[in-house]
């Protein structure tokens, strides 16, 4: 005996609660703030910035300051994939 129609599987709609909407709004606001912060400090940074530190706190890896945008880009991609699946 089959209780589900094969065409109906995966079509369950769950309405977001007020807390869900609040968390989404705060997350989006923080993400936009993250981008604005990176854009603001970008011009103030030297061309080469430390990217890795050893156990003593001495920098031992360096990258171009363009690498500063990799983390916000990854964060934006993940946020978009989760929010707009």
N, C-alpha and C. Protein backbone atom coordinates (compact mmCIF):
# COMPACT_ATOMS: atom_id res chain seq x y z
N UNK A 1 0.84 -1.17 0.00
CA UNK A 1 0.00 0.00 0.00
C UNK A 1 0.89 1.24 0.00
N UNK A 2 0.65 2.16 -0.91
CA UNK A 2 1.46 3.35 -1.05
C UNK A 2 0.63 4.57 -0.62
N UNK A 3 1.15 5.31 0.37
CA UNK A 3 0.42 6.47 0.89
C UNK A 3 0.76 7.76 0.15
N UNK A 4 1.82 7.75 -0.63
CA UNK A 4 2.27 8.96 -1.30
C UNK A 4 2.17 8.81 -2.81
N UNK A 5 1.80 9.86 -3.44
CA UNK A 5 1.83 9.91 -4.89
C UNK A 5 3.27 10.18 -5.32
N UNK A 6 3.77 9.45 -6.29
CA UNK A 6 5.16 9.63 -6.73
C UNK A 6 5.42 11.05 -7.22
N UNK A 7 4.43 11.71 -7.76
CA UNK A 7 4.61 13.07 -8.27
C UNK A 7 4.59 14.11 -7.16
N UNK A 8 4.16 13.72 -5.96
CA UNK A 8 4.01 14.67 -4.86
C UNK A 8 5.21 14.68 -3.91
N UNK A 9 6.14 13.77 -4.09
CA UNK A 9 7.29 13.68 -3.19
C UNK A 9 8.19 14.89 -3.40
N UNK A 10 8.57 15.55 -2.31
CA UNK A 10 9.46 16.68 -2.37
C UNK A 10 8.76 18.01 -2.58
N UNK A 11 7.46 18.03 -2.57
CA UNK A 11 6.72 19.26 -2.80
C UNK A 11 6.09 19.80 -1.52
N UNK A 12 6.65 19.48 -0.39
CA UNK A 12 6.12 19.95 0.88
C UNK A 12 6.58 21.39 1.08
N UNK A 13 5.63 22.28 1.32
CA UNK A 13 5.95 23.70 1.53
C UNK A 13 5.83 24.03 3.01
N UNK A 14 6.91 24.54 3.58
CA UNK A 14 6.93 24.94 4.99
C UNK A 14 7.10 26.45 5.02
N UNK A 15 6.18 27.13 5.64
CA UNK A 15 6.24 28.58 5.74
C UNK A 15 7.27 28.97 6.80
N UNK A 16 8.15 29.92 6.48
CA UNK A 16 9.15 30.36 7.46
C UNK A 16 8.49 31.11 8.62
N UNK A 17 9.01 30.90 9.81
CA UNK A 17 8.49 31.60 10.99
C UNK A 17 9.10 32.99 11.06
N UNK A 18 8.63 33.77 12.00
CA UNK A 18 9.17 35.12 12.21
C UNK A 18 10.65 35.02 12.58
N UNK A 19 11.02 34.03 13.39
CA UNK A 19 12.43 33.85 13.76
C UNK A 19 13.28 33.51 12.54
N UNK A 20 12.75 32.67 11.65
CA UNK A 20 13.48 32.34 10.42
C UNK A 20 13.74 33.60 9.59
N UNK A 21 12.71 34.41 9.45
CA UNK A 21 12.85 35.65 8.67
C UNK A 21 13.82 36.61 9.34
N UNK A 22 13.81 36.67 10.66
CA UNK A 22 14.74 37.54 11.40
C UNK A 22 16.18 37.08 11.19
N UNK A 23 16.41 35.78 11.30
CA UNK A 23 17.76 35.24 11.11
C UNK A 23 18.24 35.49 9.69
N UNK A 24 17.36 35.31 8.70
CA UNK A 24 17.73 35.58 7.31
C UNK A 24 18.09 37.05 7.11
N UNK A 25 17.30 37.93 7.70
CA UNK A 25 17.56 39.38 7.56
C UNK A 25 18.88 39.77 8.21
N UNK A 26 19.15 39.25 9.40
CA UNK A 26 20.40 39.56 10.09
C UNK A 26 21.59 38.99 9.29
N UNK A 27 21.45 37.79 8.79
CA UNK A 27 22.52 37.17 8.00
C UNK A 27 22.82 37.98 6.74
N UNK A 28 21.77 38.41 6.06
CA UNK A 28 21.95 39.20 4.84
C UNK A 28 22.61 40.54 5.16
N UNK A 29 22.18 41.17 6.25
CA UNK A 29 22.75 42.45 6.66
C UNK A 29 24.24 42.30 6.99
N UNK A 30 24.60 41.24 7.72
CA UNK A 30 26.00 41.00 8.04
C UNK A 30 26.82 40.72 6.79
N UNK A 31 26.24 40.01 5.84
CA UNK A 31 26.94 39.71 4.59
C UNK A 31 27.21 40.99 3.80
N UNK A 32 26.24 41.87 3.72
CA UNK A 32 26.43 43.16 3.03
C UNK A 32 27.49 43.99 3.78
N UNK A 33 27.43 43.97 5.10
CA UNK A 33 28.43 44.69 5.90
C UNK A 33 29.83 44.15 5.67
N UNK A 34 29.94 42.83 5.53
CA UNK A 34 31.21 42.18 5.26
C UNK A 34 31.82 42.71 3.95
N UNK A 35 30.99 42.80 2.90
CA UNK A 35 31.46 43.31 1.62
C UNK A 35 31.86 44.78 1.72
N UNK A 36 31.03 45.60 2.39
CA UNK A 36 31.36 47.02 2.52
C UNK A 36 32.66 47.22 3.31
N UNK A 37 32.84 46.44 4.36
CA UNK A 37 34.07 46.55 5.15
C UNK A 37 35.29 46.24 4.29
N UNK A 38 35.21 45.14 3.53
CA UNK A 38 36.33 44.77 2.66
C UNK A 38 36.60 45.86 1.61
N UNK A 39 35.55 46.41 1.05
CA UNK A 39 35.74 47.46 0.03
C UNK A 39 36.34 48.73 0.63
N UNK A 40 35.96 49.05 1.86
CA UNK A 40 36.47 50.25 2.52
C UNK A 40 37.95 50.12 2.86
N UNK A 41 38.35 48.96 3.41
CA UNK A 41 39.75 48.82 3.83
C UNK A 41 40.69 48.42 2.70
N UNK A 42 40.13 48.00 1.57
CA UNK A 42 40.96 47.53 0.46
C UNK A 42 42.01 48.56 0.04
N UNK A 43 41.60 49.80 -0.11
CA UNK A 43 42.54 50.83 -0.57
C UNK A 43 43.58 51.19 0.48
N UNK A 44 43.33 50.86 1.74
CA UNK A 44 44.25 51.20 2.82
C UNK A 44 45.30 50.12 3.06
N UNK A 45 45.14 48.97 2.46
CA UNK A 45 46.06 47.85 2.68
C UNK A 45 47.26 47.93 1.74
N UNK A 46 48.40 47.38 2.17
CA UNK A 46 49.54 47.28 1.26
C UNK A 46 49.25 46.24 0.17
N UNK A 47 50.02 46.25 -0.89
CA UNK A 47 49.79 45.32 -2.00
C UNK A 47 49.94 43.86 -1.59
N UNK A 48 50.84 43.58 -0.66
CA UNK A 48 51.05 42.22 -0.17
C UNK A 48 50.66 42.16 1.30
N UNK A 49 49.80 41.20 1.64
CA UNK A 49 49.35 41.06 3.03
C UNK A 49 49.67 39.66 3.53
N UNK A 50 49.93 39.51 4.85
CA UNK A 50 50.18 38.18 5.38
C UNK A 50 48.93 37.32 5.32
N UNK A 51 49.11 36.06 4.97
CA UNK A 51 47.97 35.15 4.88
C UNK A 51 48.09 33.96 5.80
N UNK A 52 49.26 33.77 6.39
CA UNK A 52 49.47 32.64 7.29
C UNK A 52 50.51 33.03 8.32
N UNK A 53 50.32 32.53 9.54
CA UNK A 53 51.25 32.83 10.63
C UNK A 53 51.70 31.53 11.28
N UNK A 54 52.97 31.50 11.73
CA UNK A 54 53.47 30.31 12.42
C UNK A 54 53.03 30.35 13.89
N UNK A 55 53.48 29.40 14.67
CA UNK A 55 53.06 29.30 16.08
C UNK A 55 53.53 30.48 16.93
N UNK A 56 54.58 31.16 16.49
CA UNK A 56 55.09 32.30 17.23
C UNK A 56 54.42 33.61 16.82
N UNK A 57 53.53 33.55 15.84
CA UNK A 57 52.83 34.74 15.38
C UNK A 57 53.55 35.49 14.30
N UNK A 58 54.62 34.90 13.76
CA UNK A 58 55.37 35.54 12.68
C UNK A 58 54.73 35.16 11.34
N UNK A 59 54.48 36.13 10.48
CA UNK A 59 53.90 35.79 9.17
C UNK A 59 54.87 34.94 8.35
N UNK A 60 54.36 33.85 7.78
CA UNK A 60 55.19 33.01 6.93
C UNK A 60 54.51 32.70 5.59
N UNK A 61 53.42 33.36 5.31
CA UNK A 61 52.75 33.23 4.02
C UNK A 61 52.18 34.59 3.61
N UNK A 62 52.33 34.93 2.34
CA UNK A 62 51.89 36.24 1.88
C UNK A 62 51.11 36.10 0.57
N UNK A 63 50.12 36.98 0.39
CA UNK A 63 49.33 37.01 -0.84
C UNK A 63 49.06 38.46 -1.23
N UNK A 64 48.57 38.60 -2.44
CA UNK A 64 48.11 39.91 -2.90
C UNK A 64 46.86 40.29 -2.11
N UNK A 65 46.63 41.57 -1.97
CA UNK A 65 45.46 42.01 -1.21
C UNK A 65 44.15 41.65 -1.91
N UNK A 66 44.21 41.24 -3.17
CA UNK A 66 43.02 40.80 -3.89
C UNK A 66 42.42 39.53 -3.27
N UNK A 67 43.25 38.76 -2.57
CA UNK A 67 42.78 37.54 -1.93
C UNK A 67 41.84 37.84 -0.77
N UNK A 68 41.75 39.09 -0.38
CA UNK A 68 40.85 39.51 0.69
C UNK A 68 39.40 39.23 0.33
N UNK A 69 39.09 39.16 -0.96
CA UNK A 69 37.71 38.98 -1.41
C UNK A 69 37.31 37.51 -1.57
N UNK A 70 38.22 36.59 -1.36
CA UNK A 70 37.88 35.17 -1.52
C UNK A 70 36.87 34.73 -0.46
N UNK A 71 37.11 35.07 0.79
CA UNK A 71 36.20 34.62 1.85
C UNK A 71 34.80 35.22 1.72
N UNK A 72 34.65 36.53 1.45
CA UNK A 72 33.29 37.03 1.23
C UNK A 72 32.61 36.41 0.01
N UNK A 73 33.40 36.09 -1.01
CA UNK A 73 32.82 35.46 -2.20
C UNK A 73 32.30 34.06 -1.87
N UNK A 74 33.08 33.29 -1.12
CA UNK A 74 32.64 31.96 -0.70
C UNK A 74 31.41 32.06 0.20
N UNK A 75 31.43 33.01 1.14
CA UNK A 75 30.30 33.20 2.04
C UNK A 75 29.04 33.58 1.27
N UNK A 76 29.17 34.47 0.30
CA UNK A 76 28.02 34.88 -0.51
C UNK A 76 27.48 33.70 -1.32
N UNK A 77 28.37 32.90 -1.87
CA UNK A 77 27.94 31.73 -2.64
C UNK A 77 27.17 30.75 -1.77
N UNK A 78 27.69 30.45 -0.58
CA UNK A 78 27.01 29.51 0.32
C UNK A 78 25.67 30.08 0.77
N UNK A 79 25.64 31.37 1.13
CA UNK A 79 24.40 32.01 1.56
C UNK A 79 23.35 31.93 0.45
N UNK A 80 23.76 32.22 -0.79
CA UNK A 80 22.83 32.18 -1.91
C UNK A 80 22.32 30.77 -2.18
N UNK A 81 23.20 29.79 -2.07
CA UNK A 81 22.79 28.40 -2.30
C UNK A 81 21.79 27.94 -1.24
N UNK A 82 21.99 28.35 0.00
CA UNK A 82 21.09 27.94 1.08
C UNK A 82 19.78 28.70 1.00
N UNK A 83 19.86 29.99 0.73
CA UNK A 83 18.67 30.85 0.77
C UNK A 83 17.76 30.65 -0.44
N UNK A 84 18.34 30.40 -1.60
CA UNK A 84 17.56 30.34 -2.83
C UNK A 84 17.72 28.98 -3.52
N UNK A 85 17.60 27.91 -2.77
CA UNK A 85 17.77 26.57 -3.31
C UNK A 85 16.78 26.29 -4.35
